[in-house]
């Protein structure tokens, strides 16, 4: 079997956590997630998590479904909120 090295882009979602730090996950790789104290640490951790995730799939001879045309959008919605003062 021939091995190809190819650059693959994945969409990663980062969320700031109220307790501090960040979590990150890859929507197309179910269960691929991580966390970190800083955004930089979280980015380093998610890259490692993606590599390990793909290595496991290959070792188990499972099919790797690569992202086709992923996109992400942020939707801003204004809603009325009642505040008791």
C-alpha atoms as a PDB file:
ATOM      1  CA  UNK A   1       0.000   0.000   0.000  1.00  0.00           C
ATOM      2  CA  UNK A   2       1.330   3.410  -0.967  1.00  0.00           C
ATOM      3  CA  UNK A   3       1.349   6.123   1.695  1.00  0.00           C
ATOM      4  CA  UNK A   4       0.527   9.656   0.659  1.00  0.00           C
ATOM      5  CA  UNK A   5       1.321  12.743   2.667  1.00  0.00           C
ATOM      6  CA  UNK A   6      -1.380  15.316   2.167  1.00  0.00           C
ATOM      7  CA  UNK A   7      -2.281  18.533   3.939  1.00  0.00           C
ATOM      8  CA  UNK A   8      -5.838  18.333   5.219  1.00  0.00           C
ATOM      9  CA  UNK A   9      -7.801  21.215   6.702  1.00  0.00           C
ATOM     10  CA  UNK A  10     -10.261  20.548   9.506  1.00  0.00           C
ATOM     11  CA  UNK A  11     -12.721  22.969  11.043  1.00  0.00           C
ATOM     12  CA  UNK A  12     -11.945  23.359  14.750  1.00  0.00           C
ATOM     13  CA  UNK A  13     -14.366  25.003  17.166  1.00  0.00           C
ATOM     14  CA  UNK A  14     -12.890  26.771  20.196  1.00  0.00           C
ATOM     15  CA  UNK A  15     -15.022  27.733  23.180  1.00  0.00           C
ATOM     16  CA  UNK A  16     -13.973  29.758  26.199  1.00  0.00           C
ATOM     17  CA  UNK A  17     -14.970  27.995  29.421  1.00  0.00           C
ATOM     18  CA  UNK A  18     -16.430  29.987  32.321  1.00  0.00           C
ATOM     19  CA  UNK A  19     -14.138  28.171  34.792  1.00  0.00           C
ATOM     20  CA  UNK A  20     -11.142  29.343  32.767  1.00  0.00           C
ATOM     21  CA  UNK A  21      -9.327  28.007  29.754  1.00  0.00           C
ATOM     22  CA  UNK A  22     -10.686  26.721  26.462  1.00  0.00           C
ATOM     23  CA  UNK A  23     -12.122  23.576  24.936  1.00  0.00           C
ATOM     24  CA  UNK A  24     -11.767  22.642  21.277  1.00  0.00           C
ATOM     25  CA  UNK A  25     -13.388  20.016  19.088  1.00  0.00           C
ATOM     26  CA  UNK A  26     -13.476  18.905  15.456  1.00  0.00           C
ATOM     27  CA  UNK A  27     -17.064  18.474  14.212  1.00  0.00           C
ATOM     28  CA  UNK A  28     -16.129  15.987  11.451  1.00  0.00           C
ATOM     29  CA  UNK A  29     -14.129  13.767  13.823  1.00  0.00           C
ATOM     30  CA  UNK A  30     -16.693  12.602  16.348  1.00  0.00           C
ATOM     31  CA  UNK A  31     -15.170  12.494  19.818  1.00  0.00           C
ATOM     32  CA  UNK A  32     -12.037  14.437  18.873  1.00  0.00           C
ATOM     33  CA  UNK A  33     -11.766  17.131  21.519  1.00  0.00           C
ATOM     34  CA  UNK A  34      -9.341  18.617  24.019  1.00  0.00           C
ATOM     35  CA  UNK A  35      -8.799  21.537  26.365  1.00  0.00           C
ATOM     36  CA  UNK A  36      -6.100  23.937  27.504  1.00  0.00           C
ATOM     37  CA  UNK A  37      -5.415  26.827  29.823  1.00  0.00           C
ATOM     38  CA  UNK A  38      -4.632  29.232  26.964  1.00  0.00           C
ATOM     39  CA  UNK A  39      -5.786  29.456  23.368  1.00  0.00           C
ATOM     40  CA  UNK A  40      -2.238  28.629  22.211  1.00  0.00           C
ATOM     41  CA  UNK A  41      -2.088  25.538  24.407  1.00  0.00           C
ATOM     42  CA  UNK A  42      -5.539  24.445  23.232  1.00  0.00           C
ATOM     43  CA  UNK A  43      -4.505  24.843  19.579  1.00  0.00           C
ATOM     44  CA  UNK A  44      -1.380  22.724  20.171  1.00  0.00           C
ATOM     45  CA  UNK A  45      -3.482  20.100  21.977  1.00  0.00           C
ATOM     46  CA  UNK A  46      -6.146  19.874  19.247  1.00  0.00           C
ATOM     47  CA  UNK A  47      -3.492  19.384  16.550  1.00  0.00           C
ATOM     48  CA  UNK A  48      -2.086  16.494  18.573  1.00  0.00           C
ATOM     49  CA  UNK A  49      -5.590  15.108  19.185  1.00  0.00           C
ATOM     50  CA  UNK A  50      -6.342  15.151  15.432  1.00  0.00           C
ATOM     51  CA  UNK A  51      -3.078  13.337  14.647  1.00  0.00           C
ATOM     52  CA  UNK A  52      -3.758  10.676  17.294  1.00  0.00           C
ATOM     53  CA  UNK A  53      -7.370  10.290  16.167  1.00  0.00           C
ATOM     54  CA  UNK A  54      -6.334   9.677  12.562  1.00  0.00           C
ATOM     55  CA  UNK A  55      -3.496   7.324  13.617  1.00  0.00           C
ATOM     56  CA  UNK A  56      -5.989   5.210  15.585  1.00  0.00           C
ATOM     57  CA  UNK A  57      -8.350   4.999  12.617  1.00  0.00           C
ATOM     58  CA  UNK A  58      -5.505   3.869  10.373  1.00  0.00           C
ATOM     59  CA  UNK A  59      -4.230   1.299  12.905  1.00  0.00           C
ATOM     60  CA  UNK A  60      -7.727  -0.152  13.235  1.00  0.00           C
ATOM     61  CA  UNK A  61      -8.001  -0.131   9.426  1.00  0.00           C
ATOM     62  CA  UNK A  62     -11.125   2.000   9.646  1.00  0.00           C
ATOM     63  CA  UNK A  63     -12.057   4.319   6.839  1.00  0.00           C
ATOM     64  CA  UNK A  64     -10.990   7.920   7.284  1.00  0.00           C
ATOM     65  CA  UNK A  65     -13.726  10.299   6.172  1.00  0.00           C
ATOM     66  CA  UNK A  66     -12.011  13.498   5.198  1.00  0.00           C
ATOM     67  CA  UNK A  67     -13.882  16.803   5.261  1.00  0.00           C
ATOM     68  CA  UNK A  68     -15.295  17.796   1.905  1.00  0.00           C
ATOM     69  CA  UNK A  69     -16.765  21.270   1.975  1.00  0.00           C
ATOM     70  CA  UNK A  70     -16.997  22.323   5.574  1.00  0.00           C
ATOM     71  CA  UNK A  71     -18.032  25.804   6.505  1.00  0.00           C
ATOM     72  CA  UNK A  72     -18.968  27.566   9.663  1.00  0.00           C
ATOM     73  CA  UNK A  73     -21.151  30.552  10.287  1.00  0.00           C
ATOM     74  CA  UNK A  74     -21.826  32.647  13.348  1.00  0.00           C
ATOM     75  CA  UNK A  75     -25.417  33.749  13.683  1.00  0.00           C
ATOM     76  CA  UNK A  76     -26.235  36.788  15.808  1.00  0.00           C
ATOM     77  CA  UNK A  77     -29.762  36.818  17.220  1.00  0.00           C
ATOM     78  CA  UNK A  78     -31.257  39.530  19.425  1.00  0.00           C
ATOM     79  CA  UNK A  79     -33.808  38.306  21.922  1.00  0.00           C
ATOM     80  CA  UNK A  80     -35.594  40.207  24.699  1.00  0.00           C
ATOM     81  CA  UNK A  81     -34.286  39.309  28.145  1.00  0.00           C
ATOM     82  CA  UNK A  82     -35.943  40.247  31.428  1.00  0.00           C
ATOM     83  CA  UNK A  83     -33.598  41.384  34.149  1.00  0.00           C
ATOM     84  CA  UNK A  84     -34.748  41.715  37.755  1.00  0.00           C
ATOM     85  CA  UNK A  85     -32.940  44.591  39.430  1.00  0.00           C
END
